[in-house]
């Protein structure tokens, strides 16, 4: 092997080229370069206003009467038989996910953006939004679903 080729391959790692199935030598990135990109990404995250701590919910909190009605409806429809729900009497279920701090979550069922109208639709008919969900439709009216969604989104 020539000296020039040897110098080029110092620090290179053999990699199987995916199209030709031939081993190629790919130069390894120096650790300083990789760490530099990590520092740039972290700086961009902080500069963009993102943080990993507490954040305000992206939606308005409903009126107190609506929140109280939503809390009462959570008990009425027996949501607590599957979910642990703060502020709802006897809501200590363990079959479904706990609903504490629901207003701070980004997604409903891991798939849907956590927004008031989406959450109300989810409460009305979960299988219409996520077909393989184990959550059943409970016969909730649209008005009740809006109040229940307001209550859940207020949970911090």
C-alpha atoms as a PDB file:
ATOM      1  CA  UNK A   1       0.000   0.000   0.000  1.00  0.00           C
ATOM      2  CA  UNK A   2       1.360   3.449  -0.824  1.00  0.00           C
ATOM      3  CA  UNK A   3       2.388   5.876   1.911  1.00  0.00           C
ATOM      4  CA  UNK A   4      -0.239   8.399   0.748  1.00  0.00           C
ATOM      5  CA  UNK A   5      -2.987   5.797   0.963  1.00  0.00           C
ATOM      6  CA  UNK A   6      -1.800   4.663   4.406  1.00  0.00           C
ATOM      7  CA  UNK A   7      -1.845   8.242   5.698  1.00  0.00           C
ATOM      8  CA  UNK A   8      -5.375   8.697   4.393  1.00  0.00           C
ATOM      9  CA  UNK A   9      -6.635   5.601   6.177  1.00  0.00           C
ATOM     10  CA  UNK A  10      -5.187   6.390   9.617  1.00  0.00           C
ATOM     11  CA  UNK A  11      -8.182   6.652  11.939  1.00  0.00           C
ATOM     12  CA  UNK A  12     -10.504   5.188   9.327  1.00  0.00           C
ATOM     13  CA  UNK A  13     -12.971   2.468  10.192  1.00  0.00           C
ATOM     14  CA  UNK A  14     -13.910  -0.303   7.752  1.00  0.00           C
ATOM     15  CA  UNK A  15     -17.580  -0.090   6.786  1.00  0.00           C
ATOM     16  CA  UNK A  16     -19.617  -2.424   4.583  1.00  0.00           C
ATOM     17  CA  UNK A  17     -20.885  -0.294   1.703  1.00  0.00           C
ATOM     18  CA  UNK A  18     -24.635  -0.965   1.487  1.00  0.00           C
ATOM     19  CA  UNK A  19     -24.954  -0.957  -2.303  1.00  0.00           C
ATOM     20  CA  UNK A  20     -21.880  -2.912  -3.391  1.00  0.00           C
ATOM     21  CA  UNK A  21     -21.424  -5.133  -0.327  1.00  0.00           C
ATOM     22  CA  UNK A  22     -17.732  -4.230  -0.434  1.00  0.00           C
ATOM     23  CA  UNK A  23     -15.765  -3.107   2.582  1.00  0.00           C
ATOM     24  CA  UNK A  24     -14.848   0.571   2.321  1.00  0.00           C
ATOM     25  CA  UNK A  25     -12.758   2.641   4.666  1.00  0.00           C
ATOM     26  CA  UNK A  26     -14.669   5.606   6.039  1.00  0.00           C
ATOM     27  CA  UNK A  27     -12.658   8.248   7.863  1.00  0.00           C
ATOM     28  CA  UNK A  28     -13.562   8.406  11.527  1.00  0.00           C
ATOM     29  CA  UNK A  29     -14.736  11.750  12.861  1.00  0.00           C
ATOM     30  CA  UNK A  30     -12.523  13.192  15.513  1.00  0.00           C
ATOM     31  CA  UNK A  31     -14.210  13.275  18.916  1.00  0.00           C
ATOM     32  CA  UNK A  32     -13.748  17.045  19.066  1.00  0.00           C
ATOM     33  CA  UNK A  33     -15.843  17.455  15.903  1.00  0.00           C
ATOM     34  CA  UNK A  34     -18.640  15.272  17.298  1.00  0.00           C
ATOM     35  CA  UNK A  35     -18.580  17.125  20.611  1.00  0.00           C
ATOM     36  CA  UNK A  36     -18.621  20.420  18.709  1.00  0.00           C
ATOM     37  CA  UNK A  37     -21.887  19.461  16.999  1.00  0.00           C
ATOM     38  CA  UNK A  38     -23.341  18.407  20.339  1.00  0.00           C
ATOM     39  CA  UNK A  39     -22.445  21.794  21.822  1.00  0.00           C
ATOM     40  CA  UNK A  40     -24.022  23.603  18.849  1.00  0.00           C
ATOM     41  CA  UNK A  41     -27.222  21.538  19.181  1.00  0.00           C
ATOM     42  CA  UNK A  42     -27.457  22.182  22.929  1.00  0.00           C
ATOM     43  CA  UNK A  43     -26.910  25.919  22.409  1.00  0.00           C
ATOM     44  CA  UNK A  44     -29.607  26.003  19.716  1.00  0.00           C
ATOM     45  CA  UNK A  45     -32.049  24.204  22.031  1.00  0.00           C
ATOM     46  CA  UNK A  46     -31.498  26.718  24.822  1.00  0.00           C
ATOM     47  CA  UNK A  47     -31.522  29.699  22.455  1.00  0.00           C
ATOM     48  CA  UNK A  48     -34.817  28.603  20.924  1.00  0.00           C
ATOM     49  CA  UNK A  49     -36.512  28.939  24.283  1.00  0.00           C
ATOM     50  CA  UNK A  50     -36.892  25.200  24.838  1.00  0.00           C
ATOM     51  CA  UNK A  51     -36.174  23.880  28.263  1.00  0.00           C
ATOM     52  CA  UNK A  52     -36.653  20.573  29.919  1.00  0.00           C
ATOM     53  CA  UNK A  53     -38.329  21.965  33.033  1.00  0.00           C
ATOM     54  CA  UNK A  54     -41.833  23.260  33.701  1.00  0.00           C
ATOM     55  CA  UNK A  55     -43.660  24.832  30.790  1.00  0.00           C
ATOM     56  CA  UNK A  56     -46.997  26.528  30.485  1.00  0.00           C
ATOM     57  CA  UNK A  57     -49.719  24.547  28.722  1.00  0.00           C
ATOM     58  CA  UNK A  58     -50.187  25.573  25.066  1.00  0.00           C
ATOM     59  CA  UNK A  59     -53.929  26.076  25.598  1.00  0.00           C
ATOM     60  CA  UNK A  60     -56.121  28.254  27.767  1.00  0.00           C
ATOM     61  CA  UNK A  61     -57.444  26.847  31.038  1.00  0.00           C
ATOM     62  CA  UNK A  62     -61.247  26.649  31.069  1.00  0.00           C
ATOM     63  CA  UNK A  63     -63.546  28.463  33.506  1.00  0.00           C
ATOM     64  CA  UNK A  64     -63.701  27.028  37.034  1.00  0.00           C
ATOM     65  CA  UNK A  65     -67.317  25.831  36.587  1.00  0.00           C
ATOM     66  CA  UNK A  66     -66.326  23.866  33.459  1.00  0.00           C
ATOM     67  CA  UNK A  67     -63.351  22.300  35.266  1.00  0.00           C
ATOM     68  CA  UNK A  68     -65.538  21.250  38.201  1.00  0.00           C
ATOM     69  CA  UNK A  69     -68.130  19.773  35.837  1.00  0.00           C
ATOM     70  CA  UNK A  70     -65.346  17.887  34.003  1.00  0.00           C
ATOM     71  CA  UNK A  71     -64.037  16.489  37.300  1.00  0.00           C
ATOM     72  CA  UNK A  72     -67.549  15.333  38.248  1.00  0.00           C
ATOM     73  CA  UNK A  73     -68.052  13.751  34.817  1.00  0.00           C
ATOM     74  CA  UNK A  74     -64.776  11.821  35.128  1.00  0.00           C
ATOM     75  CA  UNK A  75     -66.284  10.119  38.198  1.00  0.00           C
ATOM     76  CA  UNK A  76     -69.726   9.751  36.558  1.00  0.00           C
ATOM     77  CA  UNK A  77     -68.314   7.914  33.511  1.00  0.00           C
ATOM     78  CA  UNK A  78     -66.083   5.838  35.842  1.00  0.00           C
ATOM     79  CA  UNK A  79     -62.838   6.809  34.140  1.00  0.00           C
ATOM     80  CA  UNK A  80     -61.094   6.032  37.416  1.00  0.00           C
ATOM     81  CA  UNK A  81     -61.818   2.326  37.046  1.00  0.00           C
ATOM     82  CA  UNK A  82     -58.965   2.243  34.491  1.00  0.00           C
ATOM     83  CA  UNK A  83     -57.029   5.469  35.213  1.00  0.00           C
ATOM     84  CA  UNK A  84     -55.532   7.060  38.310  1.00  0.00           C
ATOM     85  CA  UNK A  85     -56.839  10.638  38.186  1.00  0.00           C
ATOM     86  CA  UNK A  86     -55.904  13.322  40.713  1.00  0.00           C
ATOM     87  CA  UNK A  87     -58.815  15.177  42.332  1.00  0.00           C
ATOM     88  CA  UNK A  88     -61.318  12.457  41.311  1.00  0.00           C
ATOM     89  CA  UNK A  89     -62.617  10.318  44.172  1.00  0.00           C
ATOM     90  CA  UNK A  90     -61.825   6.586  43.905  1.00  0.00           C
ATOM     91  CA  UNK A  91     -59.960   7.070  40.614  1.00  0.00           C
ATOM     92  CA  UNK A  92     -57.133   4.639  41.270  1.00  0.00           C
ATOM     93  CA  UNK A  93     -57.306   2.385  38.221  1.00  0.00           C
ATOM     94  CA  UNK A  94     -54.141   0.803  36.901  1.00  0.00           C
ATOM     95  CA  UNK A  95     -55.220  -0.672  33.553  1.00  0.00           C
ATOM     96  CA  UNK A  96     -54.852   2.642  31.707  1.00  0.00           C
ATOM     97  CA  UNK A  97     -52.124   5.252  32.096  1.00  0.00           C
ATOM     98  CA  UNK A  98     -52.311   7.643  35.060  1.00  0.00           C
ATOM     99  CA  UNK A  99     -53.711  11.021  34.034  1.00  0.00           C
ATOM    100  CA  UNK A 100     -51.725  13.204  36.471  1.00  0.00           C
ATOM    101  CA  UNK A 101     -50.208  16.303  34.819  1.00  0.00           C
ATOM    102  CA  UNK A 102     -52.166  15.541  31.660  1.00  0.00           C
ATOM    103  CA  UNK A 103     -52.156  19.212  30.656  1.00  0.00           C
ATOM    104  CA  UNK A 104     -48.366  19.118  30.352  1.00  0.00           C
ATOM    105  CA  UNK A 105     -48.283  16.165  27.977  1.00  0.00           C
ATOM    106  CA  UNK A 106     -47.484  16.670  24.324  1.00  0.00           C
ATOM    107  CA  UNK A 107     -49.453  13.707  23.005  1.00  0.00           C
ATOM    108  CA  UNK A 108     -52.671  11.810  23.631  1.00  0.00           C
ATOM    109  CA  UNK A 109     -52.156   8.015  23.478  1.00  0.00           C
ATOM    110  CA  UNK A 110     -48.630   8.651  22.215  1.00  0.00           C
ATOM    111  CA  UNK A 111     -49.896   9.674  18.757  1.00  0.00           C
ATOM    112  CA  UNK A 112     -52.204  12.699  18.792  1.00  0.00           C
ATOM    113  CA  UNK A 113     -51.298  16.312  19.616  1.00  0.00           C
ATOM    114  CA  UNK A 114     -52.662  17.204  23.050  1.00  0.00           C
ATOM    115  CA  UNK A 115     -55.119  19.980  22.156  1.00  0.00           C
ATOM    116  CA  UNK A 116     -58.610  20.641  23.585  1.00  0.00           C
ATOM    117  CA  UNK A 117     -60.547  19.734  20.434  1.00  0.00           C
ATOM    118  CA  UNK A 118     -58.459  16.607  19.790  1.00  0.00           C
ATOM    119  CA  UNK A 119     -58.798  15.466  23.396  1.00  0.00           C
ATOM    120  CA  UNK A 120     -62.586  15.954  23.287  1.00  0.00           C
ATOM    121  CA  UNK A 121     -62.737  13.859  20.076  1.00  0.00           C
ATOM    122  CA  UNK A 122     -60.540  11.208  21.767  1.00  0.00           C
ATOM    123  CA  UNK A 123     -62.913  11.032  24.758  1.00  0.00           C
ATOM    124  CA  UNK A 124     -65.923  10.720  22.411  1.00  0.00           C
ATOM    125  CA  UNK A 125     -64.553   7.926  20.218  1.00  0.00           C
ATOM    126  CA  UNK A 126     -60.955   6.807  20.857  1.00  0.00           C
ATOM    127  CA  UNK A 127     -60.990   4.077  18.184  1.00  0.00           C
ATOM    128  CA  UNK A 128     -61.886   6.624  15.501  1.00  0.00           C
ATOM    129  CA  UNK A 129     -58.531   8.327  16.133  1.00  0.00           C
ATOM    130  CA  UNK A 130     -56.347   5.331  17.083  1.00  0.00           C
ATOM    131  CA  UNK A 131     -57.996   2.147  15.749  1.00  0.00           C
ATOM    132  CA  UNK A 132     -56.095  -0.377  17.886  1.00  0.00           C
ATOM    133  CA  UNK A 133     -56.507   1.480  21.188  1.00  0.00           C
ATOM    134  CA  UNK A 134     -57.715  -0.524  24.191  1.00  0.00           C
ATOM    135  CA  UNK A 135     -59.654   2.525  25.441  1.00  0.00           C
ATOM    136  CA  UNK A 136     -63.386   2.011  24.927  1.00  0.00           C
ATOM    137  CA  UNK A 137     -65.959   4.575  23.842  1.00  0.00           C
ATOM    138  CA  UNK A 138     -68.017   5.309  26.954  1.00  0.00           C
ATOM    139  CA  UNK A 139     -71.040   6.986  25.367  1.00  0.00           C
ATOM    140  CA  UNK A 140     -69.910  10.476  26.381  1.00  0.00           C
ATOM    141  CA  UNK A 141     -71.818  13.382  24.812  1.00  0.00           C
ATOM    142  CA  UNK A 142     -69.872  16.066  22.901  1.00  0.00           C
ATOM    143  CA  UNK A 143     -70.609  18.679  25.615  1.00  0.00           C
ATOM    144  CA  UNK A 144     -69.462  16.313  28.368  1.00  0.00           C
ATOM    145  CA  UNK A 145     -66.319  15.442  26.393  1.00  0.00           C
ATOM    146  CA  UNK A 146     -65.415  19.148  26.135  1.00  0.00           C
ATOM    147  CA  UNK A 147     -65.796  19.589  29.902  1.00  0.00           C
ATOM    148  CA  UNK A 148     -63.805  16.434  30.645  1.00  0.00           C
ATOM    149  CA  UNK A 149     -61.074  17.578  28.242  1.00  0.00           C
ATOM    150  CA  UNK A 150     -60.952  20.993  29.969  1.00  0.00           C
ATOM    151  CA  UNK A 151     -60.522  19.274  33.355  1.00  0.00           C
ATOM    152  CA  UNK A 152     -57.744  16.982  32.106  1.00  0.00           C
ATOM    153  CA  UNK A 153     -55.894  19.816  30.382  1.00  0.00           C
ATOM    154  CA  UNK A 154     -55.964  21.820  33.620  1.00  0.00           C
ATOM    155  CA  UNK A 155     -54.125  19.056  35.502  1.00  0.00           C
ATOM    156  CA  UNK A 156     -50.568  20.181  36.068  1.00  0.00           C
END
